[in-house]
Amino acid sequence: MTYMHCQVRFADYAKWKASMDADARAQREAGIYLRLLWRGTEDPNVAMFVCEVKDKAKARAFLNPADVEKATREAGVSGFEWHFVEEVQVG
């Protein structure tokens, strides 16, 4: 299974989270499903999250740089990084 690991830096958690929630339907249509979300304890202006990705090509298209740049700017994001990852056996 493919996942997407993301880290985001924002000025206002509530504003960023509202933007994420408002975009949930479009994320699902792109085959991206939020599974885990963490907020920094030492820096509450940082969050990390993991999404399950059903279709990597659709997810990559959804993450079009121009669209992401516009959305992150509107949500007050100053940094956003994402990586496709897969689970590996431990031990």
N, C-alpha and C. Protein backbone atom coordinates (compact mmCIF):
# COMPACT_ATOMS: atom_id res chain seq x y z
N MET A 1 0.84 -1.17 0.00
CA MET A 1 0.00 0.00 0.00
C MET A 1 0.89 1.24 0.00
N THR A 2 0.43 2.27 -0.70
CA THR A 2 1.17 3.52 -0.76
C THR A 2 0.55 4.54 0.19
N TYR A 3 1.41 5.28 0.84
CA TYR A 3 0.98 6.35 1.74
C TYR A 3 1.68 7.64 1.33
N MET A 4 1.20 8.72 1.86
CA MET A 4 1.85 10.00 1.66
C MET A 4 2.11 10.57 3.04
N HIS A 5 3.37 10.87 3.32
CA HIS A 5 3.76 11.47 4.59
C HIS A 5 3.97 12.95 4.33
N CYS A 6 3.35 13.81 5.12
CA CYS A 6 3.41 15.25 4.90
C CYS A 6 3.80 15.98 6.17
N GLN A 7 4.49 17.09 5.97
CA GLN A 7 4.79 18.00 7.08
C GLN A 7 4.42 19.40 6.60
N VAL A 8 3.74 20.12 7.47
CA VAL A 8 3.27 21.45 7.11
C VAL A 8 3.57 22.43 8.26
N ARG A 9 3.94 23.64 7.90
CA ARG A 9 4.17 24.72 8.87
C ARG A 9 3.15 25.81 8.54
N PHE A 10 2.50 26.32 9.58
CA PHE A 10 1.43 27.31 9.38
C PHE A 10 1.49 28.36 10.47
N ALA A 11 0.78 29.45 10.24
CA ALA A 11 0.72 30.53 11.24
C ALA A 11 -0.43 30.29 12.22
N ASP A 12 -1.48 29.61 11.76
CA ASP A 12 -2.70 29.45 12.55
C ASP A 12 -3.26 28.05 12.31
N TYR A 13 -3.16 27.17 13.32
CA TYR A 13 -3.62 25.79 13.17
C TYR A 13 -5.10 25.72 12.77
N ALA A 14 -5.94 26.48 13.43
CA ALA A 14 -7.39 26.42 13.16
C ALA A 14 -7.68 26.77 11.70
N LYS A 15 -7.01 27.78 11.17
CA LYS A 15 -7.21 28.19 9.77
C LYS A 15 -6.75 27.08 8.83
N TRP A 16 -5.58 26.51 9.10
CA TRP A 16 -5.07 25.44 8.26
C TRP A 16 -5.98 24.21 8.31
N LYS A 17 -6.40 23.83 9.52
CA LYS A 17 -7.24 22.63 9.68
C LYS A 17 -8.58 22.82 8.99
N ALA A 18 -9.15 24.01 9.07
CA ALA A 18 -10.42 24.29 8.39
C ALA A 18 -10.25 24.14 6.88
N SER A 19 -9.12 24.58 6.36
CA SER A 19 -8.83 24.44 4.94
C SER A 19 -8.71 22.96 4.56
N MET A 20 -8.02 22.18 5.37
CA MET A 20 -7.90 20.73 5.13
C MET A 20 -9.27 20.07 5.14
N ASP A 21 -10.09 20.41 6.13
CA ASP A 21 -11.42 19.81 6.24
C ASP A 21 -12.28 20.19 5.04
N ALA A 22 -12.19 21.43 4.59
CA ALA A 22 -12.98 21.88 3.45
C ALA A 22 -12.57 21.18 2.15
N ASP A 23 -11.32 20.71 2.10
CA ASP A 23 -10.78 20.07 0.91
C ASP A 23 -10.92 18.55 0.94
N ALA A 24 -11.54 18.02 1.98
CA ALA A 24 -11.60 16.56 2.18
C ALA A 24 -12.27 15.83 1.01
N ARG A 25 -13.32 16.37 0.48
CA ARG A 25 -14.02 15.69 -0.63
C ARG A 25 -13.12 15.60 -1.86
N ALA A 26 -12.44 16.69 -2.19
CA ALA A 26 -11.53 16.69 -3.34
C ALA A 26 -10.38 15.70 -3.10
N GLN A 27 -9.91 15.63 -1.86
CA GLN A 27 -8.85 14.66 -1.53
C GLN A 27 -9.35 13.24 -1.78
N ARG A 28 -10.53 12.94 -1.30
CA ARG A 28 -11.10 11.59 -1.50
C ARG A 28 -11.27 11.29 -2.99
N GLU A 29 -11.72 12.26 -3.76
CA GLU A 29 -11.89 12.06 -5.19
C GLU A 29 -10.56 11.78 -5.88
N ALA A 30 -9.48 12.27 -5.30
CA ALA A 30 -8.14 12.01 -5.83
C ALA A 30 -7.54 10.74 -5.25
N GLY A 31 -8.32 10.01 -4.43
CA GLY A 31 -7.84 8.77 -3.84
C GLY A 31 -6.90 8.97 -2.67
N ILE A 32 -7.03 10.11 -1.99
CA ILE A 32 -6.19 10.45 -0.84
C ILE A 32 -7.07 10.47 0.41
N TYR A 33 -6.70 9.67 1.41
CA TYR A 33 -7.51 9.54 2.63
C TYR A 33 -6.64 9.83 3.85
N LEU A 34 -6.97 10.88 4.58
CA LEU A 34 -6.24 11.23 5.80
C LEU A 34 -6.43 10.11 6.82
N ARG A 35 -5.32 9.58 7.34
CA ARG A 35 -5.38 8.49 8.31
C ARG A 35 -4.86 8.89 9.68
N LEU A 36 -3.79 9.67 9.74
CA LEU A 36 -3.20 10.08 11.01
C LEU A 36 -2.77 11.53 10.92
N LEU A 37 -2.96 12.26 12.02
CA LEU A 37 -2.58 13.67 12.08
C LEU A 37 -1.95 13.94 13.44
N TRP A 38 -0.79 14.59 13.43
CA TRP A 38 -0.11 14.97 14.66
C TRP A 38 0.19 16.46 14.60
N ARG A 39 0.19 17.08 15.77
CA ARG A 39 0.58 18.48 15.89
C ARG A 39 1.76 18.55 16.84
N GLY A 40 2.74 19.35 16.49
CA GLY A 40 3.95 19.45 17.29
C GLY A 40 3.67 19.88 18.73
N THR A 41 4.34 19.25 19.67
CA THR A 41 4.20 19.65 21.07
C THR A 41 5.17 20.77 21.42
N GLU A 42 6.33 20.77 20.80
CA GLU A 42 7.30 21.82 21.05
C GLU A 42 7.10 23.00 20.11
N ASP A 43 6.53 22.75 18.96
CA ASP A 43 6.21 23.82 18.00
C ASP A 43 4.80 23.56 17.48
N PRO A 44 3.79 24.17 18.07
CA PRO A 44 2.41 23.90 17.67
C PRO A 44 2.04 24.45 16.30
N ASN A 45 2.98 25.12 15.63
CA ASN A 45 2.74 25.61 14.28
C ASN A 45 3.25 24.64 13.21
N VAL A 46 3.48 23.41 13.63
CA VAL A 46 3.90 22.34 12.72
C VAL A 46 2.95 21.16 12.91
N ALA A 47 2.55 20.57 11.80
CA ALA A 47 1.76 19.34 11.85
C ALA A 47 2.35 18.34 10.88
N MET A 48 2.19 17.07 11.19
CA MET A 48 2.57 15.99 10.31
C MET A 48 1.35 15.11 10.14
N PHE A 49 1.18 14.58 8.95
CA PHE A 49 0.05 13.70 8.73
C PHE A 49 0.38 12.65 7.70
N VAL A 50 -0.37 11.55 7.76
CA VAL A 50 -0.21 10.44 6.84
C VAL A 50 -1.54 10.21 6.15
N CYS A 51 -1.46 10.09 4.84
CA CYS A 51 -2.65 9.79 4.04
C CYS A 51 -2.44 8.46 3.33
N GLU A 52 -3.49 7.68 3.25
CA GLU A 52 -3.47 6.49 2.42
C GLU A 52 -3.73 6.95 0.99
N VAL A 53 -2.99 6.39 0.05
CA VAL A 53 -3.11 6.80 -1.35
C VAL A 53 -3.56 5.59 -2.16
N LYS A 54 -4.73 5.69 -2.76
CA LYS A 54 -5.29 4.59 -3.55
C LYS A 54 -4.71 4.57 -4.96
N ASP A 55 -4.44 5.75 -5.53
CA ASP A 55 -3.95 5.86 -6.91
C ASP A 55 -2.88 6.94 -6.94
N LYS A 56 -1.64 6.52 -7.03
CA LYS A 56 -0.52 7.46 -6.96
C LYS A 56 -0.57 8.50 -8.09
N ALA A 57 -0.95 8.10 -9.28
CA ALA A 57 -1.02 9.04 -10.40
C ALA A 57 -2.07 10.12 -10.15
N LYS A 58 -3.23 9.72 -9.65
CA LYS A 58 -4.28 10.70 -9.33
C LYS A 58 -3.84 11.62 -8.19
N ALA A 59 -3.18 11.05 -7.20
CA ALA A 59 -2.71 11.85 -6.08
C ALA A 59 -1.67 12.86 -6.55
N ARG A 60 -0.76 12.42 -7.41
CA ARG A 60 0.27 13.32 -7.92
C ARG A 60 -0.37 14.46 -8.72
N ALA A 61 -1.39 14.14 -9.52
CA ALA A 61 -2.09 15.18 -10.29
C ALA A 61 -2.79 16.17 -9.34
N PHE A 62 -3.36 15.66 -8.26
CA PHE A 62 -4.02 16.51 -7.27
C PHE A 62 -3.02 17.47 -6.62
N LEU A 63 -1.79 17.03 -6.49
CA LEU A 63 -0.75 17.83 -5.86
C LEU A 63 -0.01 18.72 -6.87
N ASN A 64 -0.71 19.13 -7.91
CA ASN A 64 -0.17 20.05 -8.90
C ASN A 64 0.45 21.24 -8.19
N PRO A 65 1.73 21.54 -8.47
CA PRO A 65 2.42 22.62 -7.74
C PRO A 65 1.69 23.95 -7.72
N ALA A 66 1.09 24.36 -8.82
CA ALA A 66 0.39 25.66 -8.85
C ALA A 66 -0.82 25.63 -7.92
N ASP A 67 -1.56 24.53 -7.93
CA ASP A 67 -2.74 24.41 -7.07
C ASP A 67 -2.34 24.35 -5.59
N VAL A 68 -1.30 23.58 -5.29
CA VAL A 68 -0.83 23.46 -3.92
C VAL A 68 -0.34 24.80 -3.41
N GLU A 69 0.40 25.52 -4.23
CA GLU A 69 0.94 26.82 -3.82
C GLU A 69 -0.20 27.78 -3.48
N LYS A 70 -1.23 27.82 -4.31
CA LYS A 70 -2.38 28.70 -4.07
C LYS A 70 -3.10 28.29 -2.78
N ALA A 71 -3.38 27.00 -2.63
CA ALA A 71 -4.11 26.51 -1.46
C ALA A 71 -3.34 26.74 -0.17
N THR A 72 -2.04 26.49 -0.21
CA THR A 72 -1.25 26.66 1.01
C THR A 72 -1.14 28.14 1.38
N ARG A 73 -1.01 28.99 0.39
CA ARG A 73 -0.95 30.44 0.66
C ARG A 73 -2.25 30.89 1.32
N GLU A 74 -3.39 30.45 0.79
CA GLU A 74 -4.68 30.83 1.34
C GLU A 74 -4.89 30.29 2.76
N ALA A 75 -4.26 29.17 3.07
CA ALA A 75 -4.40 28.55 4.40
C ALA A 75 -3.36 29.06 5.40
N GLY A 76 -2.52 29.99 4.97
CA GLY A 76 -1.51 30.53 5.87
C GLY A 76 -0.32 29.62 6.09
N VAL A 77 -0.04 28.77 5.12
CA VAL A 77 1.05 27.81 5.22
C VAL A 77 2.34 28.45 4.74
N SER A 78 3.42 28.27 5.51
CA SER A 78 4.71 28.80 5.11
C SER A 78 5.67 27.70 4.66
N GLY A 79 5.29 26.45 4.84
CA GLY A 79 6.11 25.34 4.39
C GLY A 79 5.29 24.07 4.29
N PHE A 80 5.46 23.35 3.18
CA PHE A 80 4.72 22.10 2.98
C PHE A 80 5.62 21.14 2.23
N GLU A 81 5.77 19.95 2.79
CA GLU A 81 6.60 18.93 2.17
C GLU A 81 5.83 17.62 2.21
N TRP A 82 5.88 16.87 1.12
CA TRP A 82 5.20 15.58 1.08
C TRP A 82 6.06 14.56 0.34
N HIS A 83 5.88 13.29 0.73
CA HIS A 83 6.62 12.19 0.14
C HIS A 83 5.71 10.98 0.05
N PHE A 84 5.76 10.28 -1.08
CA PHE A 84 5.09 9.00 -1.18
C PHE A 84 5.98 7.98 -0.49
N VAL A 85 5.37 7.14 0.35
CA VAL A 85 6.11 6.12 1.08
C VAL A 85 5.32 4.82 1.07
N GLU A 86 6.01 3.75 1.39
CA GLU A 86 5.32 2.46 1.53
C GLU A 86 5.77 1.82 2.83
N GLU A 87 4.90 1.03 3.39
CA GLU A 87 5.20 0.36 4.65
C GLU A 87 6.19 -0.77 4.38
N VAL A 88 7.15 -0.93 5.28
CA VAL A 88 8.12 -2.01 5.16
C VAL A 88 8.11 -2.82 6.44
N GLN A 89 8.54 -4.05 6.33
CA GLN A 89 8.59 -4.97 7.46
C GLN A 89 9.64 -4.49 8.47
N VAL A 90 9.30 -4.55 9.73
CA VAL A 90 10.22 -4.18 10.80
C VAL A 90 10.71 -5.46 11.48
N GLY A 91 12.02 -5.49 11.76
CA GLY A 91 12.57 -6.61 12.52
C GLY A 91 12.87 -7.83 11.80
